[in-house]
Amino acid sequence: MTNTITKDKVSISKAEYYRLKKLDEHFRNFWIYLENLIDIREARKEVRQKKIIPQEKLFKQLGF
């Protein structure tokens, strides 16, 4: 096994740091958007399969 000595820190310019930070934020927002789309798709699928009952019907069944 070979051992490679590496630096603990990498220096980058302030402009590059802010660019990477902004890029990270865009990807985070993109993943949140995709998760929302998947949730909506699954909810619509459950509605089509009649797995969801109306809230009023649920309350009646629970005696409220």
PDB file of N, CA and C in Angstrom:
ATOM      1  N   MET A   1       0.853  -1.162   0.000  1.00  0.00           N
ATOM      2  CA  MET A   1       0.000   0.000   0.000  1.00  0.00           C
ATOM      3  C   MET A   1       0.902   1.229   0.000  1.00  0.00           C
ATOM      4  N   THR A   2       0.567   2.178  -0.842  1.00  0.00           N
ATOM      5  CA  THR A   2       1.371   3.403  -0.897  1.00  0.00           C
ATOM      6  C   THR A   2       0.702   4.494  -0.100  1.00  0.00           C
ATOM      7  N   ASN A   3       1.504   5.278   0.552  1.00  0.00           N
ATOM      8  CA  ASN A   3       0.998   6.411   1.314  1.00  0.00           C
ATOM      9  C   ASN A   3       1.309   7.680   0.553  1.00  0.00           C
ATOM     10  N   THR A   4       0.295   8.518   0.403  1.00  0.00           N
ATOM     11  CA  THR A   4       0.468   9.777  -0.290  1.00  0.00           C
ATOM     12  C   THR A   4       0.285  10.903   0.712  1.00  0.00           C
ATOM     13  N   ILE A   5       1.232  11.797   0.735  1.00  0.00           N
ATOM     14  CA  ILE A   5       1.136  12.938   1.637  1.00  0.00           C
ATOM     15  C   ILE A   5       0.376  14.031   0.908  1.00  0.00           C
ATOM     16  N   THR A   6      -0.682  14.517   1.553  1.00  0.00           N
ATOM     17  CA  THR A   6      -1.490  15.571   0.954  1.00  0.00           C
ATOM     18  C   THR A   6      -1.625  16.728   1.926  1.00  0.00           C
ATOM     19  N   LYS A   7      -1.946  17.861   1.375  1.00  0.00           N
ATOM     20  CA  LYS A   7      -2.204  19.030   2.211  1.00  0.00           C
ATOM     21  C   LYS A   7      -3.567  18.900   2.869  1.00  0.00           C
ATOM     22  N   ASP A   8      -3.699  19.471   4.044  1.00  0.00           N
ATOM     23  CA  ASP A   8      -4.992  19.458   4.733  1.00  0.00           C
ATOM     24  C   ASP A   8      -5.927  20.531   4.192  1.00  0.00           C
ATOM     25  N   LYS A   9      -5.372  21.543   3.571  1.00  0.00           N
ATOM     26  CA  LYS A   9      -6.185  22.656   3.083  1.00  0.00           C
ATOM     27  C   LYS A   9      -5.847  22.937   1.626  1.00  0.00           C
ATOM     28  N   VAL A  10      -6.853  23.413   0.931  1.00  0.00           N
ATOM     29  CA  VAL A  10      -6.684  23.841  -0.462  1.00  0.00           C
ATOM     30  C   VAL A  10      -7.057  25.307  -0.512  1.00  0.00           C
ATOM     31  N   SER A  11      -6.231  26.112  -1.088  1.00  0.00           N
ATOM     32  CA  SER A  11      -6.494  27.547  -1.179  1.00  0.00           C
ATOM     33  C   SER A  11      -7.170  27.858  -2.503  1.00  0.00           C
ATOM     34  N   ILE A  12      -8.273  28.612  -2.419  1.00  0.00           N
ATOM     35  CA  ILE A  12      -8.943  29.083  -3.625  1.00  0.00           C
ATOM     36  C   ILE A  12      -9.252  30.562  -3.438  1.00  0.00           C
ATOM     37  N   SER A  13      -9.483  31.214  -4.546  1.00  0.00           N
ATOM     38  CA  SER A  13      -9.768  32.646  -4.469  1.00  0.00           C
ATOM     39  C   SER A  13     -11.162  32.871  -3.898  1.00  0.00           C
ATOM     40  N   LYS A  14     -11.382  34.072  -3.401  1.00  0.00           N
ATOM     41  CA  LYS A  14     -12.675  34.423  -2.820  1.00  0.00           C
ATOM     42  C   LYS A  14     -13.774  34.343  -3.881  1.00  0.00           C
ATOM     43  N   ALA A  15     -13.462  34.783  -5.088  1.00  0.00           N
ATOM     44  CA  ALA A  15     -14.449  34.745  -6.181  1.00  0.00           C
ATOM     45  C   ALA A  15     -14.834  33.301  -6.504  1.00  0.00           C
ATOM     46  N   GLU A  16     -13.851  32.410  -6.534  1.00  0.00           N
ATOM     47  CA  GLU A  16     -14.125  30.998  -6.811  1.00  0.00           C
ATOM     48  C   GLU A  16     -14.958  30.383  -5.682  1.00  0.00           C
ATOM     49  N   TYR A  17     -14.650  30.751  -4.453  1.00  0.00           N
ATOM     50  CA  TYR A  17     -15.408  30.255  -3.303  1.00  0.00           C
ATOM     51  C   TYR A  17     -16.879  30.649  -3.418  1.00  0.00           C
ATOM     52  N   TYR A  18     -17.142  31.900  -3.743  1.00  0.00           N
ATOM     53  CA  TYR A  18     -18.531  32.363  -3.864  1.00  0.00           C
ATOM     54  C   TYR A  18     -19.229  31.715  -5.059  1.00  0.00           C
ATOM     55  N   ARG A  19     -18.486  31.475  -6.131  1.00  0.00           N
ATOM     56  CA  ARG A  19     -19.058  30.796  -7.300  1.00  0.00           C
ATOM     57  C   ARG A  19     -19.471  29.368  -6.924  1.00  0.00           C
ATOM     58  N   LEU A  20     -18.596  28.666  -6.208  1.00  0.00           N
ATOM     59  CA  LEU A  20     -18.912  27.300  -5.791  1.00  0.00           C
ATOM     60  C   LEU A  20     -20.065  27.267  -4.794  1.00  0.00           C
ATOM     61  N   LYS A  21     -20.106  28.238  -3.913  1.00  0.00           N
ATOM     62  CA  LYS A  21     -21.188  28.317  -2.939  1.00  0.00           C
ATOM     63  C   LYS A  21     -22.528  28.535  -3.641  1.00  0.00           C
ATOM     64  N   LYS A  22     -22.536  29.407  -4.645  1.00  0.00           N
ATOM     65  CA  LYS A  22     -23.754  29.671  -5.408  1.00  0.00           C
ATOM     66  C   LYS A  22     -24.175  28.424  -6.194  1.00  0.00           C
ATOM     67  N   LEU A  23     -23.210  27.732  -6.760  1.00  0.00           N
ATOM     68  CA  LEU A  23     -23.488  26.508  -7.495  1.00  0.00           C
ATOM     69  C   LEU A  23     -24.083  25.447  -6.573  1.00  0.00           C
ATOM     70  N   ASP A  24     -23.536  25.334  -5.377  1.00  0.00           N
ATOM     71  CA  ASP A  24     -24.057  24.394  -4.390  1.00  0.00           C
ATOM     72  C   ASP A  24     -25.508  24.727  -4.046  1.00  0.00           C
ATOM     73  N   GLU A  25     -25.815  25.994  -3.890  1.00  0.00           N
ATOM     74  CA  GLU A  25     -27.179  26.412  -3.575  1.00  0.00           C
ATOM     75  C   GLU A  25     -28.141  26.072  -4.711  1.00  0.00           C
ATOM     76  N   HIS A  26     -27.693  26.277  -5.959  1.00  0.00           N
ATOM     77  CA  HIS A  26     -28.544  25.938  -7.103  1.00  0.00           C
ATOM     78  C   HIS A  26     -28.856  24.443  -7.120  1.00  0.00           C
ATOM     79  N   PHE A  27     -27.844  23.613  -6.883  1.00  0.00           N
ATOM     80  CA  PHE A  27     -28.083  22.173  -6.899  1.00  0.00           C
ATOM     81  C   PHE A  27     -28.965  21.750  -5.731  1.00  0.00           C
ATOM     82  N   ARG A  28     -28.804  22.366  -4.572  1.00  0.00           N
ATOM     83  CA  ARG A  28     -29.651  22.050  -3.427  1.00  0.00           C
ATOM     84  C   ARG A  28     -31.104  22.380  -3.767  1.00  0.00           C
ATOM     85  N   ASN A  29     -31.338  23.544  -4.356  1.00  0.00           N
ATOM     86  CA  ASN A  29     -32.698  23.929  -4.748  1.00  0.00           C
ATOM     87  C   ASN A  29     -33.251  22.994  -5.810  1.00  0.00           C
ATOM     88  N   PHE A  30     -32.402  22.560  -6.732  1.00  0.00           N
ATOM     89  CA  PHE A  30     -32.819  21.631  -7.783  1.00  0.00           C
ATOM     90  C   PHE A  30     -33.275  20.306  -7.178  1.00  0.00           C
ATOM     91  N   TRP A  31     -32.530  19.769  -6.204  1.00  0.00           N
ATOM     92  CA  TRP A  31     -32.900  18.501  -5.578  1.00  0.00           C
ATOM     93  C   TRP A  31     -34.198  18.636  -4.787  1.00  0.00           C
ATOM     94  N   ILE A  32     -34.380  19.758  -4.117  1.00  0.00           N
ATOM     95  CA  ILE A  32     -35.631  19.995  -3.395  1.00  0.00           C
ATOM     96  C   ILE A  32     -36.800  20.012  -4.380  1.00  0.00           C
ATOM     97  N   TYR A  33     -36.600  20.672  -5.525  1.00  0.00           N
ATOM     98  CA  TYR A  33     -37.625  20.727  -6.571  1.00  0.00           C
ATOM     99  C   TYR A  33     -37.950  19.318  -7.075  1.00  0.00           C
ATOM    100  N   LEU A  34     -36.927  18.502  -7.319  1.00  0.00           N
ATOM    101  CA  LEU A  34     -37.163  17.134  -7.795  1.00  0.00           C
ATOM    102  C   LEU A  34     -37.910  16.300  -6.759  1.00  0.00           C
ATOM    103  N   GLU A  35     -37.548  16.444  -5.495  1.00  0.00           N
ATOM    104  CA  GLU A  35     -38.249  15.706  -4.444  1.00  0.00           C
ATOM    105  C   GLU A  35     -39.723  16.091  -4.405  1.00  0.00           C
ATOM    106  N   ASN A  36     -40.016  17.373  -4.576  1.00  0.00           N
ATOM    107  CA  ASN A  36     -41.411  17.820  -4.603  1.00  0.00           C
ATOM    108  C   ASN A  36     -42.159  17.224  -5.781  1.00  0.00           C
ATOM    109  N   LEU A  37     -41.515  17.186  -6.946  1.00  0.00           N
ATOM    110  CA  LEU A  37     -42.159  16.587  -8.119  1.00  0.00           C
ATOM    111  C   LEU A  37     -42.450  15.107  -7.908  1.00  0.00           C
ATOM    112  N   ILE A  38     -41.519  14.399  -7.294  1.00  0.00           N
ATOM    113  CA  ILE A  38     -41.723  12.975  -7.028  1.00  0.00           C
ATOM    114  C   ILE A  38     -42.868  12.779  -6.036  1.00  0.00           C
ATOM    115  N   ASP A  39     -42.928  13.609  -4.996  1.00  0.00           N
ATOM    116  CA  ASP A  39     -44.017  13.514  -4.027  1.00  0.00           C
ATOM    117  C   ASP A  39     -45.366  13.756  -4.693  1.00  0.00           C
ATOM    118  N   ILE A  40     -45.432  14.750  -5.563  1.00  0.00           N
ATOM    119  CA  ILE A  40     -46.680  15.054  -6.266  1.00  0.00           C
ATOM    120  C   ILE A  40     -47.082  13.885  -7.162  1.00  0.00           C
ATOM    121  N   ARG A  41     -46.118  13.318  -7.870  1.00  0.00           N
ATOM    122  CA  ARG A  41     -46.400  12.178  -8.757  1.00  0.00           C
ATOM    123  C   ARG A  41     -46.942  11.000  -7.949  1.00  0.00           C
ATOM    124  N   GLU A  42     -46.326  10.716  -6.800  1.00  0.00           N
ATOM    125  CA  GLU A  42     -46.790   9.602  -5.968  1.00  0.00           C
ATOM    126  C   GLU A  42     -48.179   9.876  -5.402  1.00  0.00           C
ATOM    127  N   ALA A  43     -48.447  11.105  -4.995  1.00  0.00           N
ATOM    128  CA  ALA A  43     -49.772  11.450  -4.465  1.00  0.00           C
ATOM    129  C   ALA A  43     -50.836  11.292  -5.549  1.00  0.00           C
ATOM    130  N   ARG A  44     -50.545  11.739  -6.751  1.00  0.00           N
ATOM    131  CA  ARG A  44     -51.515  11.588  -7.850  1.00  0.00           C
ATOM    132  C   ARG A  44     -51.766  10.119  -8.158  1.00  0.00           C
ATOM    133  N   LYS A  45     -50.715   9.312  -8.080  1.00  0.00           N
ATOM    134  CA  LYS A  45     -50.849   7.876  -8.325  1.00  0.00           C
ATOM    135  C   LYS A  45     -51.760   7.253  -7.270  1.00  0.00           C
ATOM    136  N   GLU A  46     -51.583   7.645  -5.999  1.00  0.00           N
ATOM    137  CA  GLU A  46     -52.431   7.125  -4.931  1.00  0.00           C
ATOM    138  C   GLU A  46     -53.877   7.539  -5.118  1.00  0.00           C
ATOM    139  N   VAL A  47     -54.111   8.752  -5.591  1.00  0.00           N
ATOM    140  CA  VAL A  47     -55.483   9.214  -5.846  1.00  0.00           C
ATOM    141  C   VAL A  47     -56.107   8.382  -6.961  1.00  0.00           C
ATOM    142  N   ARG A  48     -55.355   8.122  -8.028  1.00  0.00           N
ATOM    143  CA  ARG A  48     -55.874   7.300  -9.129  1.00  0.00           C
ATOM    144  C   ARG A  48     -56.202   5.881  -8.675  1.00  0.00           C
ATOM    145  N   GLN A  49     -55.416   5.367  -7.731  1.00  0.00           N
ATOM    146  CA  GLN A  49     -55.622   3.996  -7.252  1.00  0.00           C
ATOM    147  C   GLN A  49     -56.635   3.938  -6.107  1.00  0.00           C
ATOM    148  N   LYS A  50     -57.257   5.083  -5.797  1.00  0.00           N
ATOM    149  CA  LYS A  50     -58.287   5.175  -4.747  1.00  0.00           C
ATOM    150  C   LYS A  50     -57.729   4.780  -3.373  1.00  0.00           C
ATOM    151  N   LYS A  51     -56.464   5.063  -3.120  1.00  0.00           N
ATOM    152  CA  LYS A  51     -55.858   4.770  -1.822  1.00  0.00           C
ATOM    153  C   LYS A  51     -56.109   5.887  -0.813  1.00  0.00           C
ATOM    154  N   ILE A  52     -56.631   6.995  -1.280  1.00  0.00           N
ATOM    155  CA  ILE A  52     -56.852   8.154  -0.417  1.00  0.00           C
ATOM    156  C   ILE A  52     -58.343   8.404  -0.333  1.00  0.00           C
ATOM    157  N   ILE A  53     -58.807   8.698   0.900  1.00  0.00           N
ATOM    158  CA  ILE A  53     -60.218   9.022   1.074  1.00  0.00           C
ATOM    159  C   ILE A  53     -60.334  10.505   1.413  1.00  0.00           C
ATOM    160  N   PRO A  54     -61.470  11.117   1.074  1.00  0.00           N
ATOM    161  CA  PRO A  54     -61.646  12.535   1.395  1.00  0.00           C
ATOM    162  C   PRO A  54     -61.594  12.782   2.905  1.00  0.00           C
ATOM    163  N   GLN A  55     -61.157  13.947   3.281  1.00  0.00           N
ATOM    164  CA  GLN A  55     -61.014  14.313   4.689  1.00  0.00           C
ATOM    165  C   GLN A  55     -62.356  14.257   5.419  1.00  0.00           C
ATOM    166  N   GLU A  56     -63.417  14.704   4.763  1.00  0.00           N
ATOM    167  CA  GLU A  56     -64.737  14.688   5.389  1.00  0.00           C
ATOM    168  C   GLU A  56     -65.158  13.260   5.725  1.00  0.00           C
ATOM    169  N   LYS A  57     -64.912  12.341   4.816  1.00  0.00           N
ATOM    170  CA  LYS A  57     -65.276  10.940   5.033  1.00  0.00           C
ATOM    171  C   LYS A  57     -64.470  10.359   6.190  1.00  0.00           C
ATOM    172  N   LEU A  58     -63.200  10.714   6.261  1.00  0.00           N
ATOM    173  CA  LEU A  58     -62.356  10.243   7.368  1.00  0.00           C
ATOM    174  C   LEU A  58     -62.889  10.738   8.702  1.00  0.00           C
ATOM    175  N   PHE A  59     -63.247  12.026   8.768  1.00  0.00           N
ATOM    176  CA  PHE A  59     -63.770  12.590  10.010  1.00  0.00           C
ATOM    177  C   PHE A  59     -65.079  11.907  10.416  1.00  0.00           C
ATOM    178  N   LYS A  60     -65.929  11.594   9.453  1.00  0.00           N
ATOM    179  CA  LYS A  60     -67.178  10.900   9.765  1.00  0.00           C
ATOM    180  C   LYS A  60     -66.891   9.511  10.332  1.00  0.00           C
ATOM    181  N   GLN A  61     -65.894   8.817   9.732  1.00  0.00           N
ATOM    182  CA  GLN A  61     -65.547   7.478  10.208  1.00  0.00           C
ATOM    183  C   GLN A  61     -64.956   7.537  11.611  1.00  0.00           C
ATOM    184  N   LEU A  62     -64.276   8.614  11.933  1.00  0.00           N
ATOM    185  CA  LEU A  62     -63.672   8.762  13.247  1.00  0.00           C
ATOM    186  C   LEU A  62     -64.664   9.336  14.264  1.00  0.00           C
ATOM    187  N   GLY A  63     -65.828   9.761  13.799  1.00  0.00           N
ATOM    188  CA  GLY A  63     -66.870  10.257  14.673  1.00  0.00           C
ATOM    189  C   GLY A  63     -66.731  11.731  15.035  1.00  0.00           C
ATOM    190  N   PHE A  64     -66.071  12.481  14.216  1.00  0.00           N
ATOM    191  CA  PHE A  64     -65.921  13.919  14.471  1.00  0.00           C
ATOM    192  C   PHE A  64     -66.977  14.720  13.751  1.00  0.00           C
TER     193      PHE A  64
END
